[in-house]
């Protein structure tokens, strides 16, 4: 199993981030929290979510990670890059392993994922804290 380091995992997070941005935008549209401004001939669209809206986006994103990783082997970002999350034997991870690894994403994600990056760089197996706790690995998917 070829374990994956920070760079590809960061790109996967960016892809997933675009998905979360779109979800947040749709929630803002549905709740009427968008603005449409025109200044100097430039059209801009903005949106904001209050506390409950942001909480909903957070819960949906956590659920997205857990469900995708336990059912599909990775999020859409990871799958697009040919990555998957596996256990120590290279098999699919369980729902409980996905839950553990992604609850710790809250810690790994601190300082724009600097905590997770340092954990990966300091691990011979390229594991962030969530991977270590759940005994999981992010690897290149081989057909």
C-alpha atoms as a PDB file:
ATOM      1  CA  UNK A   1       0.000   0.000   0.000  1.00  0.00           C
ATOM      2  CA  UNK A   2       1.419   3.350  -1.031  1.00  0.00           C
ATOM      3  CA  UNK A   3       0.594   5.729   1.804  1.00  0.00           C
ATOM      4  CA  UNK A   4      -0.171   9.313   0.843  1.00  0.00           C
ATOM      5  CA  UNK A   5       1.374  12.411   2.377  1.00  0.00           C
ATOM      6  CA  UNK A   6       0.190  15.965   2.875  1.00  0.00           C
ATOM      7  CA  UNK A   7       0.094  17.344  -0.689  1.00  0.00           C
ATOM      8  CA  UNK A   8      -2.523  15.048  -2.237  1.00  0.00           C
ATOM      9  CA  UNK A   9      -4.579  14.989   0.935  1.00  0.00           C
ATOM     10  CA  UNK A  10      -4.613  18.806   0.904  1.00  0.00           C
ATOM     11  CA  UNK A  11      -5.892  18.854  -2.692  1.00  0.00           C
ATOM     12  CA  UNK A  12      -8.633  16.384  -1.693  1.00  0.00           C
ATOM     13  CA  UNK A  13      -9.630  18.689   1.178  1.00  0.00           C
ATOM     14  CA  UNK A  14      -9.821  21.616  -1.257  1.00  0.00           C
ATOM     15  CA  UNK A  15     -12.133  19.638  -3.560  1.00  0.00           C
ATOM     16  CA  UNK A  16     -14.323  18.684  -0.598  1.00  0.00           C
ATOM     17  CA  UNK A  17     -14.216  22.316   0.531  1.00  0.00           C
ATOM     18  CA  UNK A  18     -15.780  23.406  -2.758  1.00  0.00           C
ATOM     19  CA  UNK A  19     -18.594  20.939  -2.088  1.00  0.00           C
ATOM     20  CA  UNK A  20     -19.116  22.377   1.429  1.00  0.00           C
ATOM     21  CA  UNK A  21     -19.057  25.913   0.015  1.00  0.00           C
ATOM     22  CA  UNK A  22     -21.827  24.995  -2.448  1.00  0.00           C
ATOM     23  CA  UNK A  23     -23.878  23.374   0.333  1.00  0.00           C
ATOM     24  CA  UNK A  24     -23.471  26.500   2.477  1.00  0.00           C
ATOM     25  CA  UNK A  25     -24.458  28.714  -0.451  1.00  0.00           C
ATOM     26  CA  UNK A  26     -27.607  26.662  -1.133  1.00  0.00           C
ATOM     27  CA  UNK A  27     -28.543  26.814   2.576  1.00  0.00           C
ATOM     28  CA  UNK A  28     -28.049  30.596   2.494  1.00  0.00           C
ATOM     29  CA  UNK A  29     -30.219  30.853  -0.614  1.00  0.00           C
ATOM     30  CA  UNK A  30     -32.958  28.777   1.001  1.00  0.00           C
ATOM     31  CA  UNK A  31     -32.845  30.855   4.178  1.00  0.00           C
ATOM     32  CA  UNK A  32     -32.743  34.216   2.372  1.00  0.00           C
ATOM     33  CA  UNK A  33     -29.240  35.057   3.588  1.00  0.00           C
ATOM     34  CA  UNK A  34     -27.777  36.179   0.272  1.00  0.00           C
ATOM     35  CA  UNK A  35     -27.023  39.621  -1.069  1.00  0.00           C
ATOM     36  CA  UNK A  36     -26.674  40.942  -4.578  1.00  0.00           C
ATOM     37  CA  UNK A  37     -24.635  44.145  -4.963  1.00  0.00           C
ATOM     38  CA  UNK A  38     -23.581  46.185  -7.953  1.00  0.00           C
ATOM     39  CA  UNK A  39     -20.656  48.586  -7.578  1.00  0.00           C
ATOM     40  CA  UNK A  40     -18.691  50.233 -10.379  1.00  0.00           C
ATOM     41  CA  UNK A  41     -20.465  48.070 -12.909  1.00  0.00           C
ATOM     42  CA  UNK A  42     -19.329  44.873 -11.140  1.00  0.00           C
ATOM     43  CA  UNK A  43     -21.964  42.438  -9.977  1.00  0.00           C
ATOM     44  CA  UNK A  44     -21.175  40.629  -6.711  1.00  0.00           C
ATOM     45  CA  UNK A  45     -23.125  38.004  -4.846  1.00  0.00           C
ATOM     46  CA  UNK A  46     -22.555  37.318  -1.163  1.00  0.00           C
ATOM     47  CA  UNK A  47     -24.024  35.167   1.538  1.00  0.00           C
ATOM     48  CA  UNK A  48     -23.810  34.569   5.245  1.00  0.00           C
ATOM     49  CA  UNK A  49     -25.039  31.934   7.642  1.00  0.00           C
ATOM     50  CA  UNK A  50     -25.885  32.478  11.278  1.00  0.00           C
ATOM     51  CA  UNK A  51     -24.912  30.129  14.092  1.00  0.00           C
ATOM     52  CA  UNK A  52     -27.543  27.492  13.370  1.00  0.00           C
ATOM     53  CA  UNK A  53     -26.775  27.555   9.639  1.00  0.00           C
ATOM     54  CA  UNK A  54     -23.068  27.090  10.272  1.00  0.00           C
ATOM     55  CA  UNK A  55     -23.805  24.315  12.755  1.00  0.00           C
ATOM     56  CA  UNK A  56     -25.903  22.561  10.114  1.00  0.00           C
ATOM     57  CA  UNK A  57     -23.063  22.867   7.555  1.00  0.00           C
ATOM     58  CA  UNK A  58     -20.650  21.454  10.157  1.00  0.00           C
ATOM     59  CA  UNK A  59     -22.891  18.486  10.939  1.00  0.00           C
ATOM     60  CA  UNK A  60     -23.502  17.823   7.233  1.00  0.00           C
ATOM     61  CA  UNK A  61     -19.777  17.966   6.460  1.00  0.00           C
ATOM     62  CA  UNK A  62     -18.912  15.603   9.316  1.00  0.00           C
ATOM     63  CA  UNK A  63     -21.624  13.224   8.109  1.00  0.00           C
ATOM     64  CA  UNK A  64     -20.301  13.519   4.547  1.00  0.00           C
ATOM     65  CA  UNK A  65     -16.807  12.444   5.617  1.00  0.00           C
ATOM     66  CA  UNK A  66     -18.066   9.568   7.777  1.00  0.00           C
ATOM     67  CA  UNK A  67     -20.558   8.183   5.267  1.00  0.00           C
ATOM     68  CA  UNK A  68     -18.349   8.561   2.187  1.00  0.00           C
ATOM     69  CA  UNK A  69     -15.307   7.012   3.852  1.00  0.00           C
ATOM     70  CA  UNK A  70     -17.198   4.064   5.338  1.00  0.00           C
ATOM     71  CA  UNK A  71     -19.361   3.324   2.272  1.00  0.00           C
ATOM     72  CA  UNK A  72     -17.230   4.478  -0.689  1.00  0.00           C
ATOM     73  CA  UNK A  73     -13.712   4.265   0.734  1.00  0.00           C
ATOM     74  CA  UNK A  74     -13.182   8.026   0.500  1.00  0.00           C
ATOM     75  CA  UNK A  75     -14.752  11.408  -0.017  1.00  0.00           C
ATOM     76  CA  UNK A  76     -15.390  12.734  -3.510  1.00  0.00           C
ATOM     77  CA  UNK A  77     -12.132  14.687  -3.237  1.00  0.00           C
ATOM     78  CA  UNK A  78     -10.126  11.586  -2.349  1.00  0.00           C
ATOM     79  CA  UNK A  79     -11.841   9.451  -4.988  1.00  0.00           C
ATOM     80  CA  UNK A  80     -11.213  12.084  -7.685  1.00  0.00           C
ATOM     81  CA  UNK A  81      -7.490  11.857  -6.893  1.00  0.00           C
ATOM     82  CA  UNK A  82      -7.408   8.067  -6.815  1.00  0.00           C
ATOM     83  CA  UNK A  83      -7.090   7.854  -3.025  1.00  0.00           C
ATOM     84  CA  UNK A  84      -8.924   5.743  -0.483  1.00  0.00           C
ATOM     85  CA  UNK A  85      -9.031   5.232   3.269  1.00  0.00           C
ATOM     86  CA  UNK A  86      -8.178   1.710   4.448  1.00  0.00           C
ATOM     87  CA  UNK A  87      -7.511  -0.236   7.626  1.00  0.00           C
ATOM     88  CA  UNK A  88      -4.183  -1.887   8.497  1.00  0.00           C
ATOM     89  CA  UNK A  89      -4.955  -4.824   6.176  1.00  0.00           C
ATOM     90  CA  UNK A  90      -5.864  -2.607   3.211  1.00  0.00           C
ATOM     91  CA  UNK A  91      -9.589  -3.291   3.595  1.00  0.00           C
ATOM     92  CA  UNK A  92     -12.480  -0.825   3.750  1.00  0.00           C
ATOM     93  CA  UNK A  93     -12.856   0.939   7.064  1.00  0.00           C
ATOM     94  CA  UNK A  94     -15.775   0.384   9.404  1.00  0.00           C
ATOM     95  CA  UNK A  95     -18.356   2.989  10.304  1.00  0.00           C
ATOM     96  CA  UNK A  96     -16.820   3.254  13.798  1.00  0.00           C
ATOM     97  CA  UNK A  97     -13.318   3.822  12.350  1.00  0.00           C
ATOM     98  CA  UNK A  98     -14.725   6.520  10.051  1.00  0.00           C
ATOM     99  CA  UNK A  99     -16.457   8.128  13.038  1.00  0.00           C
ATOM    100  CA  UNK A 100     -13.283   8.137  15.165  1.00  0.00           C
ATOM    101  CA  UNK A 101     -11.013   9.438  12.400  1.00  0.00           C
ATOM    102  CA  UNK A 102     -13.416  12.220  11.501  1.00  0.00           C
ATOM    103  CA  UNK A 103     -14.273  13.347  15.025  1.00  0.00           C
ATOM    104  CA  UNK A 104     -10.540  13.939  15.421  1.00  0.00           C
ATOM    105  CA  UNK A 105     -10.596  15.938  12.164  1.00  0.00           C
ATOM    106  CA  UNK A 106     -11.729  18.782  14.418  1.00  0.00           C
ATOM    107  CA  UNK A 107      -8.295  18.706  16.102  1.00  0.00           C
ATOM    108  CA  UNK A 108      -6.349  17.854  12.940  1.00  0.00           C
ATOM    109  CA  UNK A 109      -8.055  20.757  11.162  1.00  0.00           C
ATOM    110  CA  UNK A 110      -6.838  23.383  13.616  1.00  0.00           C
ATOM    111  CA  UNK A 111      -4.798  26.223  12.097  1.00  0.00           C
ATOM    112  CA  UNK A 112      -5.915  25.336   8.544  1.00  0.00           C
ATOM    113  CA  UNK A 113      -4.903  21.672   8.983  1.00  0.00           C
ATOM    114  CA  UNK A 114      -1.417  22.553  10.234  1.00  0.00           C
ATOM    115  CA  UNK A 115      -1.925  20.187  13.192  1.00  0.00           C
ATOM    116  CA  UNK A 116      -2.852  17.369  10.802  1.00  0.00           C
ATOM    117  CA  UNK A 117       0.063  18.186   8.469  1.00  0.00           C
ATOM    118  CA  UNK A 118       2.568  18.100  11.331  1.00  0.00           C
ATOM    119  CA  UNK A 119       1.125  14.771  12.484  1.00  0.00           C
ATOM    120  CA  UNK A 120       1.462  13.347   8.952  1.00  0.00           C
ATOM    121  CA  UNK A 121       5.019  14.661   8.534  1.00  0.00           C
ATOM    122  CA  UNK A 122       6.032  13.203  11.904  1.00  0.00           C
ATOM    123  CA  UNK A 123       4.521   9.767  11.203  1.00  0.00           C
ATOM    124  CA  UNK A 124       6.398   7.031   9.357  1.00  0.00           C
ATOM    125  CA  UNK A 125       2.993   5.820   8.085  1.00  0.00           C
ATOM    126  CA  UNK A 126       1.801   9.326   7.049  1.00  0.00           C
ATOM    127  CA  UNK A 127      -1.064   9.313   9.560  1.00  0.00           C
ATOM    128  CA  UNK A 128      -2.798  12.322  11.047  1.00  0.00           C
ATOM    129  CA  UNK A 129      -4.121  12.077  14.608  1.00  0.00           C
ATOM    130  CA  UNK A 130      -7.503  10.762  13.443  1.00  0.00           C
ATOM    131  CA  UNK A 131      -5.804   8.014  11.426  1.00  0.00           C
ATOM    132  CA  UNK A 132      -3.674   6.999  14.384  1.00  0.00           C
ATOM    133  CA  UNK A 133      -6.679   6.750  16.700  1.00  0.00           C
ATOM    134  CA  UNK A 134      -8.777   4.823  14.142  1.00  0.00           C
ATOM    135  CA  UNK A 135      -5.867   2.713  12.807  1.00  0.00           C
ATOM    136  CA  UNK A 136      -6.508   3.921   9.255  1.00  0.00           C
ATOM    137  CA  UNK A 137      -4.337   4.975   6.327  1.00  0.00           C
ATOM    138  CA  UNK A 138      -4.878   7.082   3.215  1.00  0.00           C
ATOM    139  CA  UNK A 139      -3.422   5.232   0.227  1.00  0.00           C
ATOM    140  CA  UNK A 140      -3.368   5.377  -3.549  1.00  0.00           C
ATOM    141  CA  UNK A 141      -6.205   3.327  -4.973  1.00  0.00           C
ATOM    142  CA  UNK A 142      -4.947   0.590  -7.288  1.00  0.00           C
ATOM    143  CA  UNK A 143      -7.317  -1.132  -9.677  1.00  0.00           C
END
